[in-house]
Amino acid sequence: MAELDERCIEKMEDVLAVCGNPYHPDEPVVCPDEKPVSPHADVCPPLPARSGKVLRQDKECKCCGTANVFGVVEPNAGRHSAMATRDRCGAEFARVAS
């Protein structure tokens, strides 16, 4: 993280000012984000729910590789999208952001 000096605070205030603008389709406010994830699978099948008992799952799981989730929010338009991809390449991000 950048040092929180006066210049950094000014830039953060610039971003907040843009986010506060009213919606205009020719000037969208778009907020991208990404998150690496590790999909998991059950090793043992869960025990089914019974009368008076909830479904029970074992905590042991098997890692099934890695993935990346890209998310884009356009808050003033009330839109959001997300897409899971195998990697974080720019082409994948561009597909989500468009």
Protein backbone atom coordinates (compact mmCIF):
# COMPACT_ATOMS: atom_id res chain seq x y z
CA MET A 1 0.00 0.00 0.00
CA ALA A 2 1.19 3.49 -0.77
CA GLU A 3 2.25 5.73 2.06
CA LEU A 4 -0.72 7.73 3.28
CA ASP A 5 0.72 11.18 2.67
CA GLU A 6 -1.06 14.36 1.57
CA ARG A 7 -0.73 13.55 -2.15
CA CYS A 8 -2.22 10.08 -1.65
CA ILE A 9 -5.15 11.53 0.30
CA GLU A 10 -5.77 14.08 -2.49
CA LYS A 11 -5.86 11.27 -5.08
CA MET A 12 -8.27 9.25 -2.93
CA GLU A 13 -10.54 12.31 -2.66
CA ASP A 14 -10.42 12.67 -6.47
CA VAL A 15 -11.63 9.07 -6.83
CA LEU A 16 -14.41 9.62 -4.30
CA ALA A 17 -15.51 12.78 -6.13
CA VAL A 18 -15.83 10.83 -9.40
CA CYS A 19 -17.79 8.06 -7.67
CA GLY A 20 -20.21 10.68 -6.36
CA ASN A 21 -21.13 11.94 -9.83
CA PRO A 22 -24.69 11.22 -10.99
CA TYR A 23 -25.18 8.47 -13.56
CA HIS A 24 -24.47 9.43 -17.16
CA PRO A 25 -24.27 6.68 -19.82
CA ASP A 26 -21.46 8.45 -21.71
CA GLU A 27 -19.30 8.69 -18.57
CA PRO A 28 -19.79 5.47 -16.59
CA VAL A 29 -18.17 4.97 -13.21
CA VAL A 30 -16.77 1.43 -13.33
CA CYS A 31 -15.17 -0.32 -10.35
CA PRO A 32 -13.14 -3.45 -11.26
CA ASP A 33 -11.86 -6.03 -8.79
CA GLU A 34 -10.29 -9.48 -8.86
CA LYS A 35 -9.86 -12.32 -6.40
CA PRO A 36 -7.90 -15.57 -6.63
CA VAL A 37 -9.88 -18.60 -5.49
CA SER A 38 -9.19 -22.30 -4.82
CA PRO A 39 -12.13 -24.50 -5.80
CA HIS A 40 -12.60 -27.47 -3.47
CA ALA A 41 -14.43 -30.78 -3.72
CA ASP A 42 -15.71 -33.05 -0.97
CA VAL A 43 -13.56 -36.10 -0.20
CA CYS A 44 -16.36 -37.87 1.67
CA PRO A 45 -20.00 -37.52 0.65
CA PRO A 46 -22.10 -35.53 3.14
CA LEU A 47 -24.40 -37.39 5.50
CA PRO A 48 -28.01 -36.58 4.59
CA ALA A 49 -30.31 -34.65 6.88
CA ARG A 50 -32.62 -36.75 9.04
CA SER A 51 -35.44 -35.93 11.36
CA GLY A 52 -33.94 -33.66 14.02
CA LYS A 53 -30.48 -33.68 12.36
CA VAL A 54 -29.03 -31.27 9.81
CA LEU A 55 -26.93 -32.27 6.80
CA ARG A 56 -23.43 -33.11 8.03
CA GLN A 57 -20.31 -32.55 5.96
CA ASP A 58 -16.75 -33.62 6.62
CA LYS A 59 -14.24 -30.78 6.83
CA GLU A 60 -11.73 -32.67 4.68
CA CYS A 61 -11.68 -31.47 1.08
CA LYS A 62 -9.62 -31.83 -2.06
CA CYS A 63 -8.12 -28.79 -3.82
CA CYS A 64 -9.14 -28.66 -7.48
CA GLY A 65 -6.59 -26.18 -8.81
CA THR A 66 -6.90 -22.42 -8.81
CA ALA A 67 -9.02 -19.85 -10.59
CA ASN A 68 -9.52 -16.12 -10.63
CA VAL A 69 -12.77 -14.20 -10.27
CA PHE A 70 -13.05 -10.84 -11.99
CA GLY A 71 -15.84 -8.54 -10.88
CA VAL A 72 -17.00 -5.24 -12.30
CA VAL A 73 -19.52 -2.94 -10.62
CA GLU A 74 -21.12 0.13 -12.15
CA PRO A 75 -22.79 1.43 -8.98
CA ASN A 76 -24.63 4.41 -10.43
CA ALA A 77 -26.26 2.22 -13.10
CA GLY A 78 -27.03 -0.60 -10.66
CA ARG A 79 -25.10 -3.16 -12.75
CA HIS A 80 -22.52 -5.75 -11.81
CA SER A 81 -20.92 -8.74 -13.44
CA ALA A 82 -18.49 -11.46 -12.45
CA MET A 83 -16.62 -14.12 -14.35
CA ALA A 84 -14.35 -16.92 -13.19
CA THR A 85 -11.26 -17.50 -15.35
CA ARG A 86 -8.27 -19.84 -15.22
CA ASP A 87 -5.79 -16.97 -15.02
CA ARG A 88 -5.54 -13.21 -14.58
CA CYS A 89 -4.57 -12.21 -18.13
CA GLY A 90 -5.56 -8.81 -19.50
CA ALA A 91 -7.66 -10.31 -22.30
CA GLU A 92 -9.90 -12.08 -19.76
CA PHE A 93 -10.25 -8.91 -17.71
CA ALA A 94 -11.15 -6.91 -20.84
CA ARG A 95 -13.94 -9.41 -21.63
CA VAL A 96 -15.47 -8.89 -18.18
CA ALA A 97 -15.06 -5.12 -18.17
CA SER A 98 -16.67 -4.58 -21.58
